Amino acid sequence: MAALLKKHIAILSFIFGVSISTILTSFWTFSSSWSLVKQQKDDFLIDIDNPTNDENTNKERIDYNNIKDGGLKYTRQTHIFGQVHMTKTGGTSLNGELALNYERVCGHKGWSTDAYNTNERVRKRAEKNKNRTRTNAKDWRKVRDSYTLANKARAKSRDNLFSRGRVPKWIGDEIGYHDCDYIIEERPSEFWMQFNDFHNSTMELHVPCRDPISHLMSMCNHAGRSFNCTNPDYRTEAQRCFLAGVRSRFKKDLLNLENIHVKCYDYKEQFKGYMEYITPLLQKKRIQSEYVHRDSNSARDKDSECIWKEPDLQKKVASFLVEDVEYYSFCDECLGSADDLLQKSDVSDSDDNDDYNASPRDDEPPQWDSLSDDDSE
């Protein structure tokens, strides 16, 4: 065998005009490189049934669930996080800020993949209009991109503009939610049902709970309606202000699903305690940026809202809302329970004009405080 190998090497040396030592060196280099490539290939192979390859203890493998991120260790969670974007609970800002600065956030008001440039387009429009305060970009919906064109070509109405900062649901469904760590959507509760049987994963679904009276007044303001305190039919007055989604985005059917665990938290902690809870569970982006706030309606004039001067009427309306709307009923039962994400009984009041206490007596209707009167969607 050795004699045959020497013969072949001699023939190659004669054909290519190189020395035998050069051929041997090249052969050795190729063999070493191929072994290294094969080793690297093996290291990147992931067994679908056993992603961490625990059975192969003889090799030092990449741990895809523990990635160094800016000096901090990011640990991929065992479940997906979801957020019911209930109308008028600050979900637009929450979605926007998380998508801008964290990976794999997917929502109606933005996806992580393109949030940076979306934010920059909104910023440039705001600067062009010389409106550079935090509550700027009131006309942010006029910022257009390819999603705007795609939806206009498809939708029956050409007036309701969409963009990468206000993603049409059909685009979200077309992309799919398979690589999302955090999903925040303004969809009927049936949307969440799919995650009860979603690639062997579980979901922790979060619901922000807002004081029903403050929430109702915010919806009245958004709809351009006033609550008439002199009308004895306060139920009708309340229903006149209901926005699309207040009844449909949360249903108690979600509480009966094996792989979806529903949690609540106090809305006024949206950008305090809740952000402290959720952001360590997400992976920071390489580039961090300041979110350009996007208003969704005009500022409220709380002094003009007659209901704040009628404490008895407040109690009647709040009790009606809890009885009539599953969202308020759920929040009434959940806040302060084991399913309250934050479980704070001493949260400070962020609205000096709020007449409500965060910890009502058992015989009173729920009395949650509002975050502020700057009502984002």
Protein backbone atom coordinates (compact mmCIF):
# COMPACT_ATOMS: atom_id res chain seq x y z
CA MET A 1 0.00 0.00 0.00
CA ALA A 2 2.83 2.41 0.93
CA ALA A 3 4.67 1.62 -2.33
CA LEU A 4 1.50 2.26 -4.35
CA LEU A 5 0.93 5.59 -2.58
CA LYS A 6 4.53 6.68 -3.30
CA LYS A 7 4.03 5.75 -6.95
CA HIS A 8 0.86 7.86 -7.21
CA ILE A 9 2.55 10.81 -5.51
CA ALA A 10 5.50 10.55 -7.90
CA ILE A 11 3.14 10.56 -10.89
CA LEU A 12 1.33 13.66 -9.53
CA SER A 13 4.70 15.33 -8.96
CA PHE A 14 5.69 14.69 -12.56
CA ILE A 15 2.30 15.88 -13.97
CA PHE A 16 2.03 19.12 -11.97
CA GLY A 17 5.74 19.89 -11.80
CA VAL A 18 5.88 20.23 -8.01
CA SER A 19 7.95 18.49 -5.41
CA ILE A 20 6.73 15.48 -3.47
CA SER A 21 7.06 17.43 -0.18
CA THR A 22 4.73 20.13 -1.54
CA ILE A 23 2.09 17.54 -2.43
CA LEU A 24 2.31 15.95 1.02
CA THR A 25 2.01 19.36 2.73
CA SER A 26 -1.07 20.25 0.65
CA PHE A 27 -2.69 16.90 1.42
CA TRP A 28 -2.09 17.33 5.15
CA THR A 29 -3.53 20.89 5.12
CA PHE A 30 -6.65 19.72 3.25
CA SER A 31 -7.20 16.85 5.70
CA SER A 32 -6.90 19.14 8.71
CA SER A 33 -9.27 21.74 7.20
CA TRP A 34 -11.86 19.10 6.32
CA SER A 35 -11.78 17.72 9.88
CA LEU A 36 -12.32 21.24 11.26
CA VAL A 37 -15.22 21.95 8.87
CA LYS A 38 -16.83 18.64 9.78
CA GLN A 39 -16.46 19.39 13.50
CA GLN A 40 -18.03 22.86 13.08
CA LYS A 41 -20.84 21.37 11.05
CA ASP A 42 -21.53 18.85 13.80
CA ASP A 43 -21.53 21.61 16.42
CA PHE A 44 -24.27 23.51 14.60
CA LEU A 45 -26.54 20.54 14.06
CA ILE A 46 -29.59 20.72 16.32
CA ASP A 47 -31.70 17.70 17.06
CA ILE A 48 -35.32 18.89 16.85
CA ASP A 49 -36.37 16.47 19.57
CA ASN A 50 -33.42 17.44 21.75
CA PRO A 51 -32.30 21.00 20.83
CA THR A 52 -29.55 21.18 23.43
CA ASN A 53 -28.08 17.78 22.41
CA ASP A 54 -27.80 16.75 26.03
CA GLU A 55 -26.86 13.19 25.17
CA ASN A 56 -23.63 14.32 23.52
CA THR A 57 -21.62 15.19 26.61
CA ASN A 58 -18.23 14.73 24.99
CA LYS A 59 -18.45 17.85 22.83
CA GLU A 60 -18.51 21.49 23.87
CA ARG A 61 -21.56 22.78 22.01
CA ILE A 62 -23.13 26.20 21.53
CA ASP A 63 -25.92 26.79 24.04
CA TYR A 64 -28.52 28.59 21.92
CA ASN A 65 -30.68 29.24 24.98
CA ASN A 66 -27.99 31.23 26.80
CA ILE A 67 -26.49 33.95 24.62
CA LYS A 68 -24.23 36.71 25.85
CA ASP A 69 -25.96 39.99 24.98
CA GLY A 70 -24.04 43.18 25.69
CA GLY A 71 -22.39 41.58 28.70
CA LEU A 72 -25.72 40.30 30.01
CA LYS A 73 -26.85 36.72 29.66
CA TYR A 74 -30.12 36.31 27.75
CA THR A 75 -31.96 33.12 28.57
CA ARG A 76 -34.58 32.01 26.11
CA GLN A 77 -37.83 31.41 27.93
CA THR A 78 -39.69 28.13 27.88
CA HIS A 79 -42.92 29.81 26.82
CA ILE A 80 -44.17 32.64 24.60
CA PHE A 81 -45.42 35.88 26.13
CA GLY A 82 -48.65 37.43 24.87
CA GLN A 83 -50.33 40.75 25.60
CA VAL A 84 -54.01 41.47 25.01
CA HIS A 85 -53.89 44.98 23.56
CA MET A 86 -57.09 46.24 25.14
CA THR A 87 -58.23 49.52 23.63
CA LYS A 88 -57.02 52.64 25.46
CA THR A 89 -54.54 50.94 27.77
CA GLY A 90 -51.27 52.30 26.39
CA GLY A 91 -50.69 49.30 24.14
CA THR A 92 -49.48 51.37 21.19
CA SER A 93 -46.56 52.79 23.17
CA LEU A 94 -45.85 49.45 24.85
CA ASN A 95 -45.76 47.60 21.52
CA GLY A 96 -43.66 50.32 19.89
CA GLU A 97 -41.08 50.59 22.66
CA LEU A 98 -40.59 46.84 23.01
CA ALA A 99 -40.38 46.22 19.25
CA LEU A 100 -37.87 49.04 18.89
CA ASN A 101 -35.41 47.83 21.52
CA TYR A 102 -36.00 44.07 21.90
CA GLU A 103 -35.83 41.11 19.56
CA ARG A 104 -38.73 38.99 18.33
CA VAL A 105 -41.57 41.30 19.40
CA CYS A 106 -44.56 40.95 17.09
CA GLY A 107 -47.63 43.17 17.15
CA HIS A 108 -50.17 45.31 15.35
CA LYS A 109 -48.18 48.44 16.22
CA GLY A 110 -44.87 47.05 15.06
CA TRP A 111 -42.54 44.07 14.70
CA SER A 112 -38.94 44.02 15.89
CA THR A 113 -37.59 43.25 12.42
CA ASP A 114 -38.30 46.72 11.01
CA ALA A 115 -39.12 48.86 14.07
CA TYR A 116 -35.96 50.97 13.91
CA ASN A 117 -36.55 52.43 10.45
CA THR A 118 -40.27 52.79 11.18
CA ASN A 119 -39.42 54.86 14.24
CA GLU A 120 -36.99 56.98 12.24
CA ARG A 121 -39.62 57.73 9.60
CA VAL A 122 -42.02 58.87 12.31
CA ARG A 123 -39.27 60.95 13.91
CA LYS A 124 -38.41 62.69 10.63
CA ARG A 125 -42.04 63.54 10.00
CA ALA A 126 -42.39 64.95 13.51
CA GLU A 127 -39.23 67.04 13.10
CA LYS A 128 -40.40 68.27 9.72
CA ASN A 129 -43.62 69.45 11.36
CA LYS A 130 -41.59 71.12 14.14
CA ASN A 131 -43.36 69.09 16.77
CA ARG A 132 -40.56 67.62 18.85
CA THR A 133 -42.08 67.02 22.29
CA ARG A 134 -42.67 63.55 23.68
CA THR A 135 -46.34 63.77 22.70
CA ASN A 136 -45.48 64.44 19.08
CA ALA A 137 -46.28 62.80 15.77
CA LYS A 138 -50.05 63.18 16.05
CA ASP A 139 -50.25 62.50 12.33
CA TRP A 140 -47.97 59.44 12.50
CA ARG A 141 -50.55 57.38 10.63
CA LYS A 142 -49.73 59.42 7.54
CA VAL A 143 -46.25 57.90 7.40
CA ARG A 144 -46.38 55.50 4.47
CA ASP A 145 -44.31 52.55 3.37
CA SER A 146 -44.65 49.34 1.36
CA TYR A 147 -47.25 47.95 3.80
CA THR A 148 -49.43 50.98 3.05
CA LEU A 149 -49.34 50.24 -0.66
CA ALA A 150 -49.88 46.52 -0.17
CA ASN A 151 -52.92 47.01 2.01
CA LYS A 152 -54.48 49.70 -0.19
CA ALA A 153 -54.21 47.39 -3.17
CA ARG A 154 -55.98 44.67 -1.20
CA ALA A 155 -58.48 46.45 1.07
CA LYS A 156 -61.96 47.59 0.09
CA SER A 157 -61.44 50.91 1.86
CA ARG A 158 -58.48 53.02 0.74
CA ASP A 159 -58.85 55.54 3.56
CA ASN A 160 -57.67 53.48 6.54
CA LEU A 161 -53.89 53.70 6.18
CA PHE A 162 -51.63 50.96 7.48
CA SER A 163 -47.85 50.79 7.71
CA ARG A 164 -45.01 48.93 9.40
CA GLY A 165 -46.02 50.86 12.52
CA ARG A 166 -49.64 49.77 12.16
CA VAL A 167 -49.43 46.33 10.64
CA PRO A 168 -52.47 44.88 8.84
CA LYS A 169 -53.57 41.64 10.43
CA TRP A 170 -53.33 39.78 7.14
CA ILE A 171 -49.62 40.59 6.93
CA GLY A 172 -49.06 39.36 10.48
CA ASP A 173 -50.86 36.14 9.65
CA GLU A 174 -48.88 35.76 6.43
CA ILE A 175 -45.56 36.12 8.25
CA GLY A 176 -46.65 33.89 11.12
CA TYR A 177 -45.82 34.04 14.83
CA HIS A 178 -43.44 31.07 14.95
CA ASP A 179 -40.34 33.08 15.85
CA CYS A 180 -42.00 35.54 18.25
CA ASP A 181 -41.04 35.76 21.92
CA TYR A 182 -43.63 38.45 22.68
CA ILE A 183 -46.92 38.93 20.81
CA ILE A 184 -49.18 41.95 21.35
CA GLU A 185 -52.27 42.13 19.18
CA GLU A 186 -55.56 44.02 18.89
CA ARG A 187 -57.52 40.98 17.83
CA PRO A 188 -60.66 39.16 19.05
CA SER A 189 -59.97 36.69 21.85
CA GLU A 190 -60.28 33.80 19.37
CA PHE A 191 -56.91 34.88 17.94
CA TRP A 192 -55.14 33.58 21.05
CA MET A 193 -56.71 30.13 20.82
CA GLN A 194 -54.15 29.02 18.23
CA PHE A 195 -51.39 29.25 20.84
CA ASN A 196 -53.00 26.58 22.98
CA ASP A 197 -51.63 24.05 20.49
CA PHE A 198 -48.60 25.78 18.99
CA HIS A 199 -45.52 23.65 18.34
CA ASN A 200 -45.41 22.15 21.84
CA SER A 201 -45.10 25.57 23.47
CA THR A 202 -47.04 27.31 26.23
CA MET A 203 -48.05 30.95 26.54
CA GLU A 204 -48.20 33.40 29.41
CA LEU A 205 -50.91 35.86 28.34
CA HIS A 206 -50.97 39.29 30.00
CA VAL A 207 -54.03 41.51 30.43
CA PRO A 208 -53.64 45.17 31.54
CA CYS A 209 -56.47 46.15 33.91
CA ARG A 210 -57.68 49.72 33.96
CA ASP A 211 -60.14 51.46 36.28
CA PRO A 212 -63.51 51.00 34.50
CA ILE A 213 -64.68 54.61 34.96
CA SER A 214 -61.44 56.15 33.75
CA HIS A 215 -61.37 53.64 30.90
CA LEU A 216 -64.94 54.51 29.92
CA MET A 217 -64.20 58.24 29.94
CA SER A 218 -61.13 57.63 27.79
CA MET A 219 -63.25 55.72 25.28
CA CYS A 220 -65.85 58.52 25.29
CA ASN A 221 -63.08 61.01 24.54
CA HIS A 222 -61.69 58.87 21.73
CA ALA A 223 -65.16 58.50 20.21
CA GLY A 224 -65.84 62.22 20.52
CA ARG A 225 -68.83 61.66 22.80
CA SER A 226 -69.84 63.04 26.19
CA PHE A 227 -71.34 60.98 29.00
CA ASN A 228 -74.67 62.56 29.99
CA CYS A 229 -74.96 62.31 33.76
CA THR A 230 -78.55 63.54 33.72
CA ASN A 231 -79.76 60.60 31.67
CA PRO A 232 -81.24 58.02 34.09
CA ASP A 233 -80.36 55.27 31.59
CA TYR A 234 -76.66 55.26 32.48
CA ARG A 235 -76.25 51.83 30.87
CA THR A 236 -77.07 53.21 27.43
CA GLU A 237 -74.81 56.20 28.06
CA ALA A 238 -71.94 53.84 28.85
CA GLN A 239 -72.54 51.60 25.85
CA ARG A 240 -72.54 54.62 23.53
CA CYS A 241 -68.86 55.07 24.38
CA PHE A 242 -67.79 51.46 23.95
CA LEU A 243 -65.06 51.14 21.36
CA ALA A 244 -64.61 48.17 19.09
CA GLY A 245 -62.81 45.50 21.05
CA VAL A 246 -63.87 46.30 24.60
CA ARG A 247 -66.19 43.27 24.50
CA SER A 248 -64.36 41.08 22.01
CA ARG A 249 -60.63 41.28 22.77
CA PHE A 250 -60.92 39.41 26.02
CA LYS A 251 -63.26 36.54 26.81
CA LYS A 252 -63.17 34.28 29.85
CA ASP A 253 -62.94 31.27 27.54
CA LEU A 254 -59.19 32.00 27.55
CA LEU A 255 -59.06 30.98 31.20
CA ASN A 256 -59.96 27.38 30.39
CA LEU A 257 -57.07 26.56 28.05
CA GLU A 258 -54.43 24.08 29.18
CA ASN A 259 -51.41 25.73 27.57
CA ILE A 260 -52.34 29.40 27.95
CA HIS A 261 -51.90 30.90 31.40
CA VAL A 262 -53.67 34.26 31.75
CA LYS A 263 -52.18 36.88 34.07
CA CYS A 264 -53.30 40.41 34.91
CA TYR A 265 -51.60 43.56 36.14
CA ASP A 266 -52.56 47.11 37.09
CA TYR A 267 -52.56 49.33 34.02
CA LYS A 268 -50.95 52.25 35.83
CA GLU A 269 -47.83 50.08 36.18
CA GLN A 270 -47.61 49.63 32.39
CA PHE A 271 -44.32 51.52 32.03
CA LYS A 272 -43.01 50.90 35.54
CA GLY A 273 -43.51 47.55 37.21
CA TYR A 274 -44.63 45.77 34.05
CA MET A 275 -41.61 46.90 32.05
CA GLU A 276 -39.38 45.81 34.94
CA TYR A 277 -41.07 42.42 34.78
CA ILE A 278 -41.02 41.79 31.04
CA THR A 279 -37.82 43.38 29.71
CA PRO A 280 -35.37 41.05 31.51
CA LEU A 281 -37.20 38.17 29.83
CA LEU A 282 -36.58 39.53 26.32
CA GLN A 283 -33.37 39.88 24.33
CA LYS A 284 -32.05 43.41 23.90
CA LYS A 285 -31.26 44.60 20.40
CA ARG A 286 -27.74 45.59 19.47
CA ILE A 287 -28.91 49.13 18.65
CA GLN A 288 -31.02 50.89 21.30
CA SER A 289 -33.11 53.90 20.34
CA GLU A 290 -35.59 56.37 21.80
CA TYR A 291 -39.18 55.62 20.90
CA VAL A 292 -41.11 58.45 19.22
CA HIS A 293 -44.46 58.66 20.99
CA ARG A 294 -47.57 58.32 18.81
CA ASP A 295 -50.78 59.91 19.98
CA SER A 296 -54.08 58.22 19.20
CA ASN A 297 -56.54 60.87 20.35
CA SER A 298 -56.81 64.37 21.76
CA ALA A 299 -55.98 65.13 25.38
CA ARG A 300 -58.84 64.63 27.82
CA ASP A 301 -60.38 67.50 29.72
CA LYS A 302 -61.19 65.63 32.90
CA ASP A 303 -62.72 68.70 34.54
CA SER A 304 -65.46 68.64 31.92
CA GLU A 305 -66.41 65.02 32.68
CA CYS A 306 -69.44 65.25 34.93
CA ILE A 307 -69.17 61.72 36.28
CA TRP A 308 -66.25 62.66 38.56
CA LYS A 309 -68.62 64.93 40.48
CA GLU A 310 -71.18 62.12 40.92
CA PRO A 311 -69.73 59.42 43.24
CA ASP A 312 -73.01 57.49 43.45
CA LEU A 313 -73.26 57.42 39.67
CA GLN A 314 -69.67 56.22 39.46
CA LYS A 315 -70.49 53.21 41.61
CA LYS A 316 -73.56 52.36 39.55
CA VAL A 317 -71.72 52.62 36.25
CA ALA A 318 -68.69 50.67 37.52
CA SER A 319 -70.93 47.86 38.80
CA PHE A 320 -72.73 47.75 35.45
CA LEU A 321 -69.43 47.52 33.56
CA VAL A 322 -68.21 44.63 35.72
CA GLU A 323 -71.47 42.77 35.21
CA ASP A 324 -71.76 43.51 31.49
CA VAL A 325 -68.18 43.23 30.14
CA GLU A 326 -66.03 40.13 30.66
CA TYR A 327 -62.83 42.18 30.63
CA TYR A 328 -63.85 44.25 33.66
CA SER A 329 -65.21 41.19 35.43
CA PHE A 330 -61.94 39.33 34.94
CA CYS A 331 -59.88 42.27 36.20
CA ASP A 332 -62.12 42.63 39.25
CA GLU A 333 -61.39 39.02 40.17
CA CYS A 334 -57.73 38.89 39.11
CA LEU A 335 -56.11 42.01 40.56
CA GLY A 336 -54.55 41.17 43.90
CA SER A 337 -54.88 37.42 43.31
CA ALA A 338 -52.15 34.84 42.66
CA ASP A 339 -52.53 35.60 38.92
CA ASP A 340 -51.63 39.28 39.38
CA LEU A 341 -48.18 39.60 37.82
CA LEU A 342 -47.09 42.40 40.13
CA GLN A 343 -49.24 41.84 43.24
CA LYS A 344 -48.54 45.30 44.64
CA SER A 345 -50.88 46.66 47.26
CA ASP A 346 -48.95 49.89 47.80
CA VAL A 347 -48.63 51.19 44.23
CA SER A 348 -48.48 54.98 44.23
CA ASP A 349 -51.21 56.95 42.49
CA SER A 350 -50.01 58.33 39.16
CA ASP A 351 -53.07 60.52 38.56
CA ASP A 352 -53.50 63.27 41.14
CA ASN A 353 -57.09 63.88 40.05
CA ASP A 354 -58.13 60.25 40.35
CA ASP A 355 -60.91 59.71 42.88
CA TYR A 356 -60.36 55.95 42.94
CA ASN A 357 -58.39 53.79 45.34
CA ALA A 358 -56.37 50.83 44.06
CA SER A 359 -57.57 48.56 46.90
CA PRO A 360 -61.39 48.72 47.18
CA ARG A 361 -63.42 47.09 49.90
CA ASP A 362 -65.10 43.81 49.03
CA ASP A 363 -68.53 45.42 48.93
CA GLU A 364 -67.53 48.13 46.48
CA PRO A 365 -67.02 48.05 42.69
CA PRO A 366 -63.44 47.80 41.38
CA GLN A 367 -61.56 51.09 41.72
CA TRP A 368 -58.36 50.99 39.68
CA ASP A 369 -56.37 54.10 38.99
CA SER A 370 -55.58 55.36 35.52
CA LEU A 371 -52.04 55.68 34.27
CA SER A 372 -52.52 59.19 32.95
CA ASP A 373 -54.81 61.25 30.79
CA ASP A 374 -52.50 60.90 27.80
CA ASP A 375 -54.42 57.98 26.34
CA SER A 376 -52.50 55.91 23.85
CA GLU A 377 -54.27 53.07 22.11
